[in-house]
Amino acid sequence: QVQLVESGGGLVQAGGSLRLSCAASGRTFSAYAMGWFRQAPGKEREFVAAISWSGGSTYLADSVKGRFTISRDNAKNTMYLQMNSLKPEDTAVYSCAARGVKGSGLGIRPYEYDYWGAGTQVTVSS
């Protein structure tokens, strides 16, 4: 089993920054691709960013390109999402996820991920 725990969410003004963390435990963290998703009230879960097992490849949704950065520290079993220039439309619950197949590539759809954290709330005020 894999346990994922997000932290770092909160309330921030538009234009501000937050850094989310996703701490993993339960298996070899470094062998699996991971991602961030978000879900706003009344909307479907939305892909935000993905990162390969090594951290050498990343992919971000168009809506966050140039503002968000995804990274990971395999020595610390932790993945990060640095969010800059936040907008009110970024308000959502942000969840991290891990793929279940060792060495798998980047995934952009929720069904491609097998393990999920509970999520952390990010609220951006205008």
Protein backbone atom coordinates (compact mmCIF):
# COMPACT_ATOMS: atom_id res chain seq x y z
CA GLN A 1 0.00 0.00 0.00
CA VAL A 2 0.94 3.60 -0.54
CA GLN A 3 0.05 6.49 1.69
CA LEU A 4 0.11 10.03 0.35
CA VAL A 5 -0.30 13.08 2.54
CA GLU A 6 -0.55 16.61 1.18
CA SER A 7 0.32 19.77 3.07
CA GLY A 8 0.91 23.45 2.39
CA GLY A 9 -2.53 24.60 1.36
CA GLY A 10 -4.17 27.71 2.71
CA LEU A 11 -5.63 31.10 1.98
CA VAL A 12 -3.63 33.52 -0.16
CA GLN A 13 -4.34 36.72 -2.04
CA ALA A 14 -4.31 36.84 -5.81
CA GLY A 15 -0.77 37.16 -7.06
CA GLY A 16 0.64 35.31 -4.08
CA SER A 17 2.45 31.99 -3.83
CA LEU A 18 2.10 28.66 -2.07
CA ARG A 19 4.13 25.47 -2.09
CA LEU A 20 2.32 22.19 -1.72
CA SER A 21 4.06 19.05 -0.53
CA CYS A 22 3.09 15.43 -0.95
CA ALA A 23 4.79 13.01 1.42
CA ALA A 24 4.75 9.36 0.38
CA SER A 25 5.26 6.22 2.39
CA GLY A 26 4.73 2.52 1.97
CA ARG A 27 6.81 1.64 -1.08
CA THR A 28 9.76 2.72 -3.21
CA PHE A 29 8.73 6.27 -3.98
CA SER A 30 11.39 6.85 -6.58
CA ALA A 31 10.15 4.16 -8.97
CA TYR A 32 6.78 5.71 -9.83
CA ALA A 33 5.47 8.67 -11.75
CA MET A 34 3.29 11.07 -9.80
CA GLY A 35 0.94 13.95 -10.39
CA TRP A 36 -1.18 16.75 -8.98
CA PHE A 37 -4.88 17.22 -9.64
CA ARG A 38 -7.39 19.74 -8.37
CA GLN A 39 -11.13 19.89 -7.96
CA ALA A 40 -13.20 23.00 -7.47
CA PRO A 41 -16.76 22.88 -6.07
CA GLY A 42 -19.21 21.67 -8.68
CA LYS A 43 -16.48 20.82 -11.18
CA GLU A 44 -14.74 17.67 -12.29
CA ARG A 45 -11.27 16.74 -11.12
CA GLU A 46 -8.72 18.53 -13.29
CA PHE A 47 -5.15 17.60 -14.16
CA VAL A 48 -2.55 20.11 -12.98
CA ALA A 49 0.93 18.61 -13.35
CA ALA A 50 2.81 15.32 -13.65
CA ILE A 51 6.39 14.24 -13.06
CA SER A 52 8.34 11.14 -14.05
CA TRP A 53 9.88 8.75 -11.56
CA SER A 54 13.28 10.41 -11.89
CA GLY A 55 11.99 13.96 -12.04
CA GLY A 56 13.59 14.37 -15.44
CA SER A 57 10.30 14.82 -17.27
CA THR A 58 7.41 17.03 -16.30
CA TYR A 59 4.16 18.13 -17.88
CA LEU A 60 1.85 20.94 -16.82
CA ALA A 61 -1.65 21.89 -17.81
CA ASP A 62 -1.89 24.92 -20.06
CA SER A 63 -3.80 26.79 -17.36
CA VAL A 64 -0.82 26.70 -14.99
CA LYS A 65 2.18 26.77 -17.34
CA GLY A 66 4.56 29.56 -16.49
CA ARG A 67 3.11 29.87 -12.98
CA PHE A 68 3.38 26.41 -11.38
CA THR A 69 6.38 24.11 -11.10
CA ILE A 70 6.34 20.43 -10.16
CA SER A 71 9.36 18.75 -8.62
CA ARG A 72 10.30 15.81 -6.42
CA ASP A 73 12.98 14.83 -3.95
CA ASN A 74 13.27 11.05 -3.99
CA ALA A 75 15.64 11.05 -1.04
CA LYS A 76 12.86 12.62 1.02
CA ASN A 77 9.99 10.69 -0.58
CA THR A 78 8.32 14.01 -1.28
CA MET A 79 6.82 15.73 -4.30
CA TYR A 80 6.19 19.46 -4.52
CA LEU A 81 4.02 21.91 -6.39
CA GLN A 82 5.28 25.47 -6.36
CA MET A 83 2.42 27.80 -7.23
CA ASN A 84 3.17 31.42 -8.13
CA SER A 85 1.00 34.25 -9.43
CA LEU A 86 -2.07 32.56 -8.04
CA LYS A 87 -5.48 33.50 -9.39
CA PRO A 88 -8.95 33.13 -7.85
CA GLU A 89 -9.68 30.44 -10.45
CA ASP A 90 -6.91 28.33 -8.91
CA THR A 91 -9.11 27.84 -5.83
CA ALA A 92 -9.69 24.11 -5.36
CA VAL A 93 -8.79 21.05 -3.34
CA TYR A 94 -5.41 19.88 -4.59
CA SER A 95 -4.61 16.17 -4.44
CA CYS A 96 -1.45 14.28 -5.21
CA ALA A 97 -1.50 10.88 -6.84
CA ALA A 98 0.90 8.08 -7.68
CA ARG A 99 0.83 5.66 -10.57
CA GLY A 100 0.76 1.97 -9.76
CA VAL A 101 3.07 0.65 -12.45
CA LYS A 102 6.80 0.87 -11.88
CA GLY A 103 8.53 2.95 -14.52
CA SER A 104 5.30 4.16 -16.11
CA GLY A 105 5.24 7.43 -17.99
CA LEU A 106 3.48 10.67 -17.25
CA GLY A 107 -0.27 10.47 -16.79
CA ILE A 108 -2.77 13.26 -17.23
CA ARG A 109 -6.02 11.46 -16.45
CA PRO A 110 -7.23 10.43 -13.00
CA TYR A 111 -7.82 6.81 -14.02
CA GLU A 112 -4.11 6.44 -14.76
CA TYR A 113 -3.32 6.81 -11.05
CA ASP A 114 -3.78 4.17 -8.40
CA TYR A 115 -3.06 5.98 -5.15
CA TRP A 116 -4.44 9.28 -3.91
CA GLY A 117 -4.00 11.62 -1.01
CA ALA A 118 -6.93 13.20 0.80
CA GLY A 119 -6.20 16.65 -0.59
CA THR A 120 -5.41 20.10 0.71
CA GLN A 121 -7.53 23.21 0.23
CA VAL A 122 -6.12 26.17 -1.66
CA THR A 123 -8.18 29.34 -1.62
CA VAL A 124 -7.14 32.41 -3.59
CA SER A 125 -8.94 35.64 -2.74
CA SER A 126 -9.37 38.46 -5.21
